[in-house]
Amino acid sequence: MKRTRATKEESNLEKENKDYLLFKGCLIPSSLPYMEVAARRALEILEIKITETDNFSCCPDPIGIKAISELTWLSMGARNLCIAQEIGKDILTLCNGCYETLKETSHALSEDSELLEKVNKILLPLNRKYEGNTIVKHIAEVLYLDIGTNQITNMIKKPLYGLKVAAFYGCHLVRPSDVMNFDDPEEPKSLDELIVALGADSLPRMRKMFCCGAPLLGVNMDLSLNIAKENLDNIKTSGVDCIVTLCPFCQTQFDRNQKVVERRFNKEYNLPVFYYPELLCLALGVDPYQLGFDLHIVKVDQVLNKIK
């Protein structure tokens, strides 16, 4: 794997620290609770401890708020980072958008002392001051680097042999690459290797790192659905059984909006969509009835039957 980012060997130094402050974000607990259920169950089985707080706000969203006022965006992100700083734990996010916002905020404020001073003036009425030292990790980063694919494979109880998967990374997991510093932004391998660790096959396809189109839903619905269609066409052509995501926006676009795309373009895809921790839970032996699969719009029965 071509990497100039943090390596598995470097991350081994952190393996003893498996206690994170959970950042659930907005979309998952409000609209996609099954993603939270799977993440919690997988973290529990893998003995990754999580601490929780009710004090977090929206990350905020790395597209809308940032486009209106970057200083407001950074200040809201810094407030969340302050909470983790006060508790004394690294943040673990379940969402690509939250990951990008919080990690870019941490990076920007650690690199620019004048910007940090501006943000702290905004935080002063809240009796908070950010010191610029909070570490932010995505659940995929924790699984891939801190736990490792070998350890995951060793814990598998029901390998997903024969399952063909399309890995959908999402944009914010790896970009901007000099800030995220996790995986190659053009040819990432982490999610593919996490899928293979479960016994499944991760298949190649055209335009693998193309955006899902979800950020455009509230701005240009036609363009958003056209982008989703191109992705679904490429994924269907690759011959996979399902799509695996790491992001609630990607999950929404391909699960909830798949039927919309089918009606709009007179196509049929029938591609179940899983958040990676859901497949991980299945391979770890969790009962499918505990994972809320009935909340998926595209039914997952064909995949569950295949991996029995």
C-alpha atoms as a PDB file:
ATOM      1  CA  MET A   1       0.000   0.000   0.000  1.00  0.00           C
ATOM      2  CA  LYS A   2       1.360   3.394  -1.031  1.00  0.00           C
ATOM      3  CA  ARG A   3       1.235   5.605   2.049  1.00  0.00           C
ATOM      4  CA  THR A   4       2.916   8.782   3.170  1.00  0.00           C
ATOM      5  CA  ARG A   5       0.538   9.000   6.108  1.00  0.00           C
ATOM      6  CA  ALA A   6       0.605   7.585   9.619  1.00  0.00           C
ATOM      7  CA  THR A   7       1.590   3.926   9.440  1.00  0.00           C
ATOM      8  CA  LYS A   8       0.307   0.890  11.282  1.00  0.00           C
ATOM      9  CA  GLU A   9       3.696   0.545  12.966  1.00  0.00           C
ATOM     10  CA  GLU A  10       3.601   4.137  14.204  1.00  0.00           C
ATOM     11  CA  SER A  11       0.091   3.650  15.492  1.00  0.00           C
ATOM     12  CA  ASN A  12       1.148   0.615  17.540  1.00  0.00           C
ATOM     13  CA  LEU A  13       2.537   3.099  20.061  1.00  0.00           C
ATOM     14  CA  GLU A  14      -1.033   4.201  20.744  1.00  0.00           C
ATOM     15  CA  LYS A  15      -2.652   0.783  21.062  1.00  0.00           C
ATOM     16  CA  GLU A  16      -2.634   0.853  24.840  1.00  0.00           C
ATOM     17  CA  ASN A  17      -4.841   3.964  24.752  1.00  0.00           C
ATOM     18  CA  LYS A  18      -8.233   2.613  23.665  1.00  0.00           C
ATOM     19  CA  ASP A  19     -10.420   5.007  25.601  1.00  0.00           C
ATOM     20  CA  TYR A  20     -12.006   7.693  23.419  1.00  0.00           C
ATOM     21  CA  LEU A  21     -14.584  10.439  23.798  1.00  0.00           C
ATOM     22  CA  LEU A  22     -17.442   9.524  21.458  1.00  0.00           C
ATOM     23  CA  PHE A  23     -18.633  12.210  19.039  1.00  0.00           C
ATOM     24  CA  LYS A  24     -21.890  10.971  17.499  1.00  0.00           C
ATOM     25  CA  GLY A  25     -22.670  14.040  15.407  1.00  0.00           C
ATOM     26  CA  CYS A  26     -26.187  15.063  14.386  1.00  0.00           C
ATOM     27  CA  LEU A  27     -27.316  12.918  11.466  1.00  0.00           C
ATOM     28  CA  ILE A  28     -26.586   9.479  12.902  1.00  0.00           C
ATOM     29  CA  PRO A  29     -28.473   9.744  16.240  1.00  0.00           C
ATOM     30  CA  SER A  30     -31.329  11.752  14.713  1.00  0.00           C
ATOM     31  CA  SER A  31     -31.932   9.866  11.453  1.00  0.00           C
ATOM     32  CA  LEU A  32     -29.722   6.772  11.214  1.00  0.00           C
ATOM     33  CA  PRO A  33     -29.698   5.195  14.689  1.00  0.00           C
ATOM     34  CA  TYR A  34     -28.768   1.772  13.343  1.00  0.00           C
ATOM     35  CA  MET A  35     -25.322   3.163  12.475  1.00  0.00           C
ATOM     36  CA  GLU A  36     -24.770   4.139  16.103  1.00  0.00           C
ATOM     37  CA  VAL A  37     -26.028   0.752  17.318  1.00  0.00           C
ATOM     38  CA  ALA A  38     -23.535  -1.112  15.114  1.00  0.00           C
ATOM     39  CA  ALA A  39     -20.637   1.178  16.010  1.00  0.00           C
ATOM     40  CA  ARG A  40     -21.278   0.821  19.740  1.00  0.00           C
ATOM     41  CA  ARG A  41     -21.565  -2.962  19.527  1.00  0.00           C
ATOM     42  CA  ALA A  42     -18.396  -3.341  17.464  1.00  0.00           C
ATOM     43  CA  LEU A  43     -16.385  -1.063  19.756  1.00  0.00           C
ATOM     44  CA  GLU A  44     -17.618  -3.014  22.774  1.00  0.00           C
ATOM     45  CA  ILE A  45     -16.593  -6.381  21.311  1.00  0.00           C
ATOM     46  CA  LEU A  46     -13.191  -5.033  20.281  1.00  0.00           C
ATOM     47  CA  GLU A  47     -12.714  -3.666  23.832  1.00  0.00           C
ATOM     48  CA  ILE A  48     -12.424  -0.066  22.737  1.00  0.00           C
ATOM     49  CA  LYS A  49     -13.661   1.989  25.673  1.00  0.00           C
ATOM     50  CA  ILE A  50     -15.731   5.087  25.058  1.00  0.00           C
ATOM     51  CA  THR A  51     -16.587   8.006  27.305  1.00  0.00           C
ATOM     52  CA  GLU A  52     -19.636  10.155  26.573  1.00  0.00           C
ATOM     53  CA  THR A  53     -20.809  13.701  27.192  1.00  0.00           C
ATOM     54  CA  ASP A  54     -24.008  15.612  26.486  1.00  0.00           C
ATOM     55  CA  ASN A  55     -22.125  18.881  25.973  1.00  0.00           C
ATOM     56  CA  PHE A  56     -21.173  18.499  22.309  1.00  0.00           C
ATOM     57  CA  SER A  57     -22.988  20.529  19.651  1.00  0.00           C
ATOM     58  CA  CYS A  58     -23.083  20.079  15.861  1.00  0.00           C
ATOM     59  CA  CYS A  59     -19.496  19.675  14.602  1.00  0.00           C
ATOM     60  CA  PRO A  60     -20.494  21.916  12.572  1.00  0.00           C
ATOM     61  CA  ASP A  61     -21.121  20.711   9.007  1.00  0.00           C
ATOM     62  CA  PRO A  62     -17.951  21.172   6.897  1.00  0.00           C
ATOM     63  CA  ILE A  63     -19.803  22.510   3.837  1.00  0.00           C
ATOM     64  CA  GLY A  64     -22.647  24.911   4.652  1.00  0.00           C
ATOM     65  CA  ILE A  65     -21.389  26.735   7.753  1.00  0.00           C
ATOM     66  CA  LYS A  66     -17.816  26.887   6.468  1.00  0.00           C
ATOM     67  CA  ALA A  67     -18.984  28.445   3.186  1.00  0.00           C
ATOM     68  CA  ILE A  68     -20.858  31.186   5.067  1.00  0.00           C
ATOM     69  CA  SER A  69     -18.258  32.034   7.710  1.00  0.00           C
ATOM     70  CA  GLU A  70     -15.043  30.093   8.210  1.00  0.00           C
ATOM     71  CA  LEU A  71     -14.367  31.846  11.526  1.00  0.00           C
ATOM     72  CA  THR A  72     -17.791  30.805  12.850  1.00  0.00           C
ATOM     73  CA  TRP A  73     -17.147  27.269  11.610  1.00  0.00           C
ATOM     74  CA  LEU A  74     -13.768  27.140  13.363  1.00  0.00           C
ATOM     75  CA  SER A  75     -15.178  28.622  16.563  1.00  0.00           C
ATOM     76  CA  MET A  76     -17.999  26.093  16.767  1.00  0.00           C
ATOM     77  CA  GLY A  77     -15.536  23.289  16.084  1.00  0.00           C
ATOM     78  CA  ALA A  78     -13.128  24.657  18.684  1.00  0.00           C
ATOM     79  CA  ARG A  79     -15.869  24.697  21.302  1.00  0.00           C
ATOM     80  CA  ASN A  80     -16.302  20.946  20.782  1.00  0.00           C
ATOM     81  CA  LEU A  81     -12.545  20.431  20.904  1.00  0.00           C
ATOM     82  CA  CYS A  82     -12.454  22.354  24.182  1.00  0.00           C
ATOM     83  CA  ILE A  83     -14.885  19.873  25.709  1.00  0.00           C
ATOM     84  CA  ALA A  84     -12.609  16.966  24.790  1.00  0.00           C
ATOM     85  CA  GLN A  85      -9.640  18.948  26.071  1.00  0.00           C
ATOM     86  CA  GLU A  86     -11.377  19.476  29.431  1.00  0.00           C
ATOM     87  CA  ILE A  87     -12.283  15.782  29.717  1.00  0.00           C
ATOM     88  CA  GLY A  88      -8.760  14.814  28.661  1.00  0.00           C
ATOM     89  CA  LYS A  89      -9.549  12.309  25.928  1.00  0.00           C
ATOM     90  CA  ASP A  90      -9.109  11.994  22.160  1.00  0.00           C
ATOM     91  CA  ILE A  91     -12.264  12.240  20.072  1.00  0.00           C
ATOM     92  CA  LEU A  92     -13.638   9.271  18.129  1.00  0.00           C
ATOM     93  CA  THR A  93     -16.101  10.235  15.390  1.00  0.00           C
ATOM     94  CA  LEU A  94     -18.609   8.042  13.548  1.00  0.00           C
ATOM     95  CA  CYS A  95     -19.061  10.481  10.639  1.00  0.00           C
ATOM     96  CA  ASN A  96     -16.742  11.660   7.859  1.00  0.00           C
ATOM     97  CA  GLY A  97     -18.081  15.217   8.058  1.00  0.00           C
ATOM     98  CA  CYS A  98     -17.543  15.485  11.806  1.00  0.00           C
ATOM     99  CA  TYR A  99     -14.098  13.978  11.359  1.00  0.00           C
ATOM    100  CA  GLU A 100     -13.092  16.530   8.716  1.00  0.00           C
ATOM    101  CA  THR A 101     -14.465  19.540  10.600  1.00  0.00           C
ATOM    102  CA  LEU A 102     -12.936  18.691  13.964  1.00  0.00           C
ATOM    103  CA  LYS A 103      -9.614  17.516  12.590  1.00  0.00           C
ATOM    104  CA  GLU A 104      -9.222  20.497  10.247  1.00  0.00           C
ATOM    105  CA  THR A 105     -10.146  22.867  13.078  1.00  0.00           C
ATOM    106  CA  SER A 106      -7.564  21.270  15.345  1.00  0.00           C
ATOM    107  CA  HIS A 107      -4.953  21.465  12.586  1.00  0.00           C
ATOM    108  CA  ALA A 108      -5.713  25.073  11.619  1.00  0.00           C
ATOM    109  CA  LEU A 109      -5.625  26.359  15.190  1.00  0.00           C
ATOM    110  CA  SER A 110      -2.410  24.519  16.012  1.00  0.00           C
ATOM    111  CA  GLU A 111      -0.705  26.023  12.945  1.00  0.00           C
ATOM    112  CA  ASP A 112      -1.928  29.626  13.202  1.00  0.00           C
ATOM    113  CA  SER A 113      -1.530  31.393  16.548  1.00  0.00           C
ATOM    114  CA  GLU A 114      -3.298  34.562  15.366  1.00  0.00           C
ATOM    115  CA  LEU A 115      -6.312  32.538  14.230  1.00  0.00           C
ATOM    116  CA  LEU A 116      -6.299  30.673  17.553  1.00  0.00           C
ATOM    117  CA  GLU A 117      -6.359  34.012  19.377  1.00  0.00           C
ATOM    118  CA  LYS A 118      -9.376  35.179  17.316  1.00  0.00           C
ATOM    119  CA  VAL A 119     -11.245  31.967  18.036  1.00  0.00           C
ATOM    120  CA  ASN A 120     -10.471  32.094  21.739  1.00  0.00           C
ATOM    121  CA  LYS A 121     -11.845  35.649  21.928  1.00  0.00           C
ATOM    122  CA  ILE A 122     -15.118  34.280  20.575  1.00  0.00           C
ATOM    123  CA  LEU A 123     -15.025  31.440  23.109  1.00  0.00           C
ATOM    124  CA  LEU A 124     -14.222  33.733  26.035  1.00  0.00           C
ATOM    125  CA  PRO A 125     -17.895  34.459  26.976  1.00  0.00           C
ATOM    126  CA  LEU A 126     -18.354  30.681  27.220  1.00  0.00           C
ATOM    127  CA  ASN A 127     -15.458  30.488  29.693  1.00  0.00           C
ATOM    128  CA  ARG A 128     -13.558  28.251  27.304  1.00  0.00           C
ATOM    129  CA  LYS A 129     -10.077  28.487  25.818  1.00  0.00           C
ATOM    130  CA  TYR A 130      -8.716  26.060  23.261  1.00  0.00           C
ATOM    131  CA  GLU A 131      -5.071  25.062  23.671  1.00  0.00           C
ATOM    132  CA  GLY A 132      -4.780  23.479  20.219  1.00  0.00           C
ATOM    133  CA  ASN A 133      -3.929  19.923  21.221  1.00  0.00           C
ATOM    134  CA  THR A 134      -7.036  17.725  20.802  1.00  0.00           C
ATOM    135  CA  ILE A 135      -6.587  14.589  18.673  1.00  0.00           C
ATOM    136  CA  VAL A 136      -9.511  13.554  16.453  1.00  0.00           C
ATOM    137  CA  LYS A 137      -9.929  10.077  14.958  1.00  0.00           C
ATOM    138  CA  HIS A 138     -12.533   8.455  12.708  1.00  0.00           C
ATOM    139  CA  ILE A 139     -13.823   5.030  13.728  1.00  0.00           C
ATOM    140  CA  ALA A 140     -12.217   3.607  10.563  1.00  0.00           C
ATOM    141  CA  GLU A 141      -8.868   5.083  11.610  1.00  0.00           C
ATOM    142  CA  VAL A 142      -9.171   3.498  15.045  1.00  0.00           C
ATOM    143  CA  LEU A 143     -10.108   0.128  13.547  1.00  0.00           C
ATOM    144  CA  TYR A 144      -7.428   0.210  10.856  1.00  0.00           C
ATOM    145  CA  LEU A 145      -4.493   1.694  12.734  1.00  0.00           C
ATOM    146  CA  ASP A 146      -5.111   1.235  16.453  1.00  0.00           C
ATOM    147  CA  ILE A 147      -6.703  -2.224  16.322  1.00  0.00           C
ATOM    148  CA  GLY A 148      -5.388  -3.461  12.979  1.00  0.00           C
ATOM    149  CA  THR A 149      -6.768  -5.801  10.342  1.00  0.00           C
ATOM    150  CA  ASN A 150      -4.912  -8.836  11.713  1.00  0.00           C
ATOM    151  CA  GLN A 151      -6.491  -8.429  15.143  1.00  0.00           C
ATOM    152  CA  ILE A 152      -9.925  -7.966  13.588  1.00  0.00           C
ATOM    153  CA  THR A 153      -9.491 -11.113  11.497  1.00  0.00           C
ATOM    154  CA  ASN A 154      -8.411 -13.047  14.599  1.00  0.00           C
ATOM    155  CA  MET A 155     -11.658 -12.080  16.348  1.00  0.00           C
ATOM    156  CA  ILE A 156     -13.992 -12.985  13.472  1.00  0.00           C
ATOM    157  CA  LYS A 157     -16.544 -15.696  14.297  1.00  0.00           C
ATOM    158  CA  LYS A 158     -18.501 -15.743  11.034  1.00  0.00           C
ATOM    159  CA  PRO A 159     -16.286 -14.846   8.055  1.00  0.00           C
ATOM    160  CA  LEU A 160     -18.139 -13.182   5.191  1.00  0.00           C
ATOM    161  CA  TYR A 161     -16.712 -15.512   2.561  1.00  0.00           C
ATOM    162  CA  GLY A 162     -18.026 -14.983  -0.947  1.00  0.00           C
ATOM    163  CA  LEU A 163     -19.490 -11.541  -0.283  1.00  0.00           C
ATOM    164  CA  LYS A 164     -18.497  -9.021  -2.968  1.00  0.00           C
ATOM    165  CA  VAL A 165     -18.355  -5.453  -1.720  1.00  0.00           C
ATOM    166  CA  ALA A 166     -17.958  -1.937  -3.146  1.00  0.00           C
ATOM    167  CA  ALA A 167     -15.957   0.202  -0.718  1.00  0.00           C
ATOM    168  CA  PHE A 168     -17.211   3.792  -0.644  1.00  0.00           C
ATOM    169  CA  TYR A 169     -14.812   5.980   1.312  1.00  0.00           C
ATOM    170  CA  GLY A 170     -16.507   9.363   0.981  1.00  0.00           C
ATOM    171  CA  CYS A 171     -14.683  12.651   0.420  1.00  0.00           C
ATOM    172  CA  HIS A 172     -14.026  13.953   3.932  1.00  0.00           C
ATOM    173  CA  LEU A 173     -12.264  10.846   5.231  1.00  0.00           C
ATOM    174  CA  VAL A 174      -9.122  11.505   3.201  1.00  0.00           C
ATOM    175  CA  ARG A 175      -9.373  15.126   2.004  1.00  0.00           C
ATOM    176  CA  PRO A 176      -7.758  17.596   2.472  1.00  0.00           C
ATOM    177  CA  SER A 177      -5.005  14.996   2.544  1.00  0.00           C
ATOM    178  CA  ASP A 178      -2.351  17.174   4.202  1.00  0.00           C
ATOM    179  CA  VAL A 179      -4.736  17.686   7.130  1.00  0.00           C
ATOM    180  CA  MET A 180      -6.491  14.317   7.393  1.00  0.00           C
ATOM    181  CA  ASN A 181      -3.146  12.518   7.106  1.00  0.00           C
ATOM    182  CA  PHE A 182      -4.805   9.101   7.197  1.00  0.00           C
ATOM    183  CA  ASP A 183      -4.845   7.427   3.767  1.00  0.00           C
ATOM    184  CA  ASP A 184      -3.941   8.139   0.144  1.00  0.00           C
ATOM    185  CA  PRO A 185      -6.599  10.563  -1.203  1.00  0.00           C
ATOM    186  CA  GLU A 186      -6.516   9.098  -4.720  1.00  0.00           C
ATOM    187  CA  GLU A 187      -5.905   5.410  -4.041  1.00  0.00           C
ATOM    188  CA  PRO A 188      -6.930   4.685  -0.442  1.00  0.00           C
ATOM    189  CA  LYS A 189      -6.679   1.121   0.829  1.00  0.00           C
ATOM    190  CA  SER A 190      -7.856   1.221   4.454  1.00  0.00           C
ATOM    191  CA  LEU A 191     -11.546   0.422   3.919  1.00  0.00           C
ATOM    192  CA  ASP A 192     -10.717  -2.200   1.294  1.00  0.00           C
ATOM    193  CA  GLU A 193      -8.393  -3.932   3.746  1.00  0.00           C
ATOM    194  CA  LEU A 194     -10.925  -3.653   6.565  1.00  0.00           C
ATOM    195  CA  ILE A 195     -13.466  -5.376   4.282  1.00  0.00           C
ATOM    196  CA  VAL A 196     -11.006  -8.128   3.349  1.00  0.00           C
ATOM    197  CA  ALA A 197     -10.282  -8.630   7.063  1.00  0.00           C
ATOM    198  CA  LEU A 198     -13.882  -9.845   7.415  1.00  0.00           C
ATOM    199  CA  GLY A 199     -13.409 -12.522   4.747  1.00  0.00           C
ATOM    200  CA  ALA A 200     -15.263 -10.564   2.048  1.00  0.00           C
ATOM    201  CA  ASP A 201     -13.923  -9.347  -1.309  1.00  0.00           C
ATOM    202  CA  SER A 202     -13.557  -5.634  -2.086  1.00  0.00           C
ATOM    203  CA  LEU A 203     -13.907  -5.205  -5.852  1.00  0.00           C
ATOM    204  CA  PRO A 204     -12.434  -2.412  -8.007  1.00  0.00           C
ATOM    205  CA  ARG A 205     -14.584  -0.060 -10.106  1.00  0.00           C
ATOM    206  CA  MET A 206     -14.465   3.067 -12.240  1.00  0.00           C
ATOM    207  CA  ARG A 207     -14.162   6.464 -10.480  1.00  0.00           C
ATOM    208  CA  LYS A 208     -13.891   4.922  -7.044  1.00  0.00           C
ATOM    209  CA  MET A 209     -13.266   8.243  -5.283  1.00  0.00           C
ATOM    210  CA  PHE A 210     -16.099  10.163  -6.985  1.00  0.00           C
ATOM    211  CA  CYS A 211     -18.251  12.140  -4.510  1.00  0.00           C
ATOM    212  CA  CYS A 212     -21.609  10.558  -3.613  1.00  0.00           C
ATOM    213  CA  GLY A 213     -23.374  13.832  -4.440  1.00  0.00           C
ATOM    214  CA  ALA A 214     -25.251  14.143  -1.136  1.00  0.00           C
ATOM    215  CA  PRO A 215     -23.908  17.631  -0.248  1.00  0.00           C
ATOM    216  CA  LEU A 216     -25.764  18.972  -3.300  1.00  0.00           C
ATOM    217  CA  LEU A 217     -29.184  17.650  -2.290  1.00  0.00           C
ATOM    218  CA  GLY A 218     -30.356  20.943  -0.841  1.00  0.00           C
ATOM    219  CA  VAL A 219     -28.833  23.029  -3.630  1.00  0.00           C
ATOM    220  CA  ASN A 220     -29.202  21.151  -6.904  1.00  0.00           C
ATOM    221  CA  MET A 221     -31.272  17.968  -6.637  1.00  0.00           C
ATOM    222  CA  ASP A 222     -30.890  17.068 -10.313  1.00  0.00           C
ATOM    223  CA  LEU A 223     -27.103  17.233 -10.194  1.00  0.00           C
ATOM    224  CA  SER A 224     -27.011  15.318  -6.914  1.00  0.00           C
ATOM    225  CA  LEU A 225     -29.103  12.474  -8.337  1.00  0.00           C
ATOM    226  CA  ASN A 226     -27.067  12.399 -11.544  1.00  0.00           C
ATOM    227  CA  ILE A 227     -23.892  11.983  -9.493  1.00  0.00           C
ATOM    228  CA  ALA A 228     -25.553   9.237  -7.441  1.00  0.00           C
ATOM    229  CA  LYS A 229     -26.631   7.507 -10.666  1.00  0.00           C
ATOM    230  CA  GLU A 230     -23.098   7.527 -12.072  1.00  0.00           C
ATOM    231  CA  ASN A 231     -21.794   5.989  -8.861  1.00  0.00           C
ATOM    232  CA  LEU A 232     -24.530   3.357  -8.775  1.00  0.00           C
ATOM    233  CA  ASP A 233     -23.945   2.510 -12.450  1.00  0.00           C
ATOM    234  CA  ASN A 234     -20.227   1.982 -11.820  1.00  0.00           C
ATOM    235  CA  ILE A 235     -20.874  -0.019  -8.672  1.00  0.00           C
ATOM    236  CA  LYS A 236     -23.509  -2.232 -10.319  1.00  0.00           C
ATOM    237  CA  THR A 237     -21.208  -2.876 -13.301  1.00  0.00           C
ATOM    238  CA  SER A 238     -18.443  -4.054 -10.968  1.00  0.00           C
ATOM    239  CA  GLY A 239     -20.596  -7.039  -9.955  1.00  0.00           C
ATOM    240  CA  VAL A 240     -20.810  -6.506  -6.206  1.00  0.00           C
ATOM    241  CA  ASP A 241     -23.486  -7.683  -3.779  1.00  0.00           C
ATOM    242  CA  CYS A 242     -23.559  -4.494  -1.705  1.00  0.00           C
ATOM    243  CA  ILE A 243     -22.053  -1.097  -0.929  1.00  0.00           C
ATOM    244  CA  VAL A 244     -20.155  -0.340   2.285  1.00  0.00           C
ATOM    245  CA  THR A 245     -19.879   3.252   3.542  1.00  0.00           C
ATOM    246  CA  LEU A 246     -18.154   5.136   6.355  1.00  0.00           C
ATOM    247  CA  CYS A 247     -20.320   8.260   6.251  1.00  0.00           C
ATOM    248  CA  PRO A 248     -23.985   8.958   7.084  1.00  0.00           C
ATOM    249  CA  PHE A 249     -24.336  11.295   4.087  1.00  0.00           C
ATOM    250  CA  CYS A 250     -23.071   8.585   1.721  1.00  0.00           C
ATOM    251  CA  GLN A 251     -25.321   6.090   3.500  1.00  0.00           C
ATOM    252  CA  THR A 252     -28.318   8.379   3.008  1.00  0.00           C
ATOM    253  CA  GLN A 253     -27.531   8.994  -0.644  1.00  0.00           C
ATOM    254  CA  PHE A 254     -27.177   5.344  -1.596  1.00  0.00           C
ATOM    255  CA  ASP A 255     -29.751   3.760   0.699  1.00  0.00           C
ATOM    256  CA  ARG A 256     -32.546   6.312   1.091  1.00  0.00           C
ATOM    257  CA  ASN A 257     -32.148   7.898  -2.341  1.00  0.00           C
ATOM    258  CA  GLN A 258     -31.439   4.763  -4.348  1.00  0.00           C
ATOM    259  CA  LYS A 259     -35.152   4.295  -5.026  1.00  0.00           C
ATOM    260  CA  VAL A 260     -35.417   7.960  -6.042  1.00  0.00           C
ATOM    261  CA  VAL A 261     -32.628   7.459  -8.583  1.00  0.00           C
ATOM    262  CA  GLU A 262     -34.296   4.295  -9.867  1.00  0.00           C
ATOM    263  CA  ARG A 263     -37.588   6.101 -10.448  1.00  0.00           C
ATOM    264  CA  ARG A 264     -35.947   9.179 -11.953  1.00  0.00           C
ATOM    265  CA  PHE A 265     -33.831   7.255 -14.473  1.00  0.00           C
ATOM    266  CA  ASN A 266     -35.935   4.117 -14.931  1.00  0.00           C
ATOM    267  CA  LYS A 267     -33.137   1.908 -13.593  1.00  0.00           C
ATOM    268  CA  GLU A 268     -32.982  -0.968 -11.136  1.00  0.00           C
ATOM    269  CA  TYR A 269     -29.991  -1.436  -8.860  1.00  0.00           C
ATOM    270  CA  ASN A 270     -31.172  -3.322  -5.760  1.00  0.00           C
ATOM    271  CA  LEU A 271     -27.857  -2.711  -4.011  1.00  0.00           C
ATOM    272  CA  PRO A 272     -28.029  -3.023  -0.188  1.00  0.00           C
ATOM    273  CA  VAL A 273     -25.941  -0.419   1.629  1.00  0.00           C
ATOM    274  CA  PHE A 274     -24.108  -1.096   4.893  1.00  0.00           C
ATOM    275  CA  TYR A 275     -22.185   1.127   7.290  1.00  0.00           C
ATOM    276  CA  TYR A 276     -18.880  -0.739   7.805  1.00  0.00           C
ATOM    277  CA  PRO A 277     -19.482  -1.435  11.523  1.00  0.00           C
ATOM    278  CA  GLU A 278     -22.668  -3.301  10.515  1.00  0.00           C
ATOM    279  CA  LEU A 279     -20.690  -5.809   8.429  1.00  0.00           C
ATOM    280  CA  LEU A 280     -18.074  -5.931  11.168  1.00  0.00           C
ATOM    281  CA  CYS A 281     -20.742  -6.831  13.704  1.00  0.00           C
ATOM    282  CA  LEU A 282     -22.090  -9.607  11.476  1.00  0.00           C
ATOM    283  CA  ALA A 283     -18.605 -11.076  11.118  1.00  0.00           C
ATOM    284  CA  LEU A 284     -18.078 -10.791  14.885  1.00  0.00           C
ATOM    285  CA  GLY A 285     -21.161 -12.947  15.401  1.00  0.00           C
ATOM    286  CA  VAL A 286     -23.743 -10.325  16.419  1.00  0.00           C
ATOM    287  CA  ASP A 287     -27.336 -11.415  15.784  1.00  0.00           C
ATOM    288  CA  PRO A 288     -28.633  -9.525  12.698  1.00  0.00           C
ATOM    289  CA  TYR A 289     -31.902  -8.875  14.541  1.00  0.00           C
ATOM    290  CA  GLN A 290     -29.979  -6.684  17.015  1.00  0.00           C
ATOM    291  CA  LEU A 291     -28.660  -4.359  14.313  1.00  0.00           C
ATOM    292  CA  GLY A 292     -31.784  -2.599  13.051  1.00  0.00           C
ATOM    293  CA  PHE A 293     -31.605  -3.768   9.454  1.00  0.00           C
ATOM    294  CA  ASP A 294     -35.351  -3.190   9.130  1.00  0.00           C
ATOM    295  CA  LEU A 295     -34.545   0.549   9.115  1.00  0.00           C
ATOM    296  CA  HIS A 296     -32.670   0.253   5.827  1.00  0.00           C
ATOM    297  CA  ILE A 297     -34.656   1.356   2.782  1.00  0.00           C
ATOM    298  CA  VAL A 298     -32.967  -1.104   0.408  1.00  0.00           C
ATOM    299  CA  LYS A 299     -33.609  -4.498   1.962  1.00  0.00           C
ATOM    300  CA  VAL A 300     -30.513  -6.427   3.036  1.00  0.00           C
ATOM    301  CA  ASP A 301     -32.025  -9.935   3.065  1.00  0.00           C
ATOM    302  CA  GLN A 302     -30.165 -11.057  -0.064  1.00  0.00           C
ATOM    303  CA  VAL A 303     -26.834 -10.281   1.609  1.00  0.00           C
ATOM    304  CA  LEU A 304     -27.786 -11.881   4.926  1.00  0.00           C
ATOM    305  CA  ASN A 305     -28.878 -15.022   3.078  1.00  0.00           C
ATOM    306  CA  LYS A 306     -25.627 -15.148   1.128  1.00  0.00           C
ATOM    307  CA  ILE A 307     -23.373 -14.963   4.183  1.00  0.00           C
ATOM    308  CA  LYS A 308     -25.290 -17.560   6.218  1.00  0.00           C
END
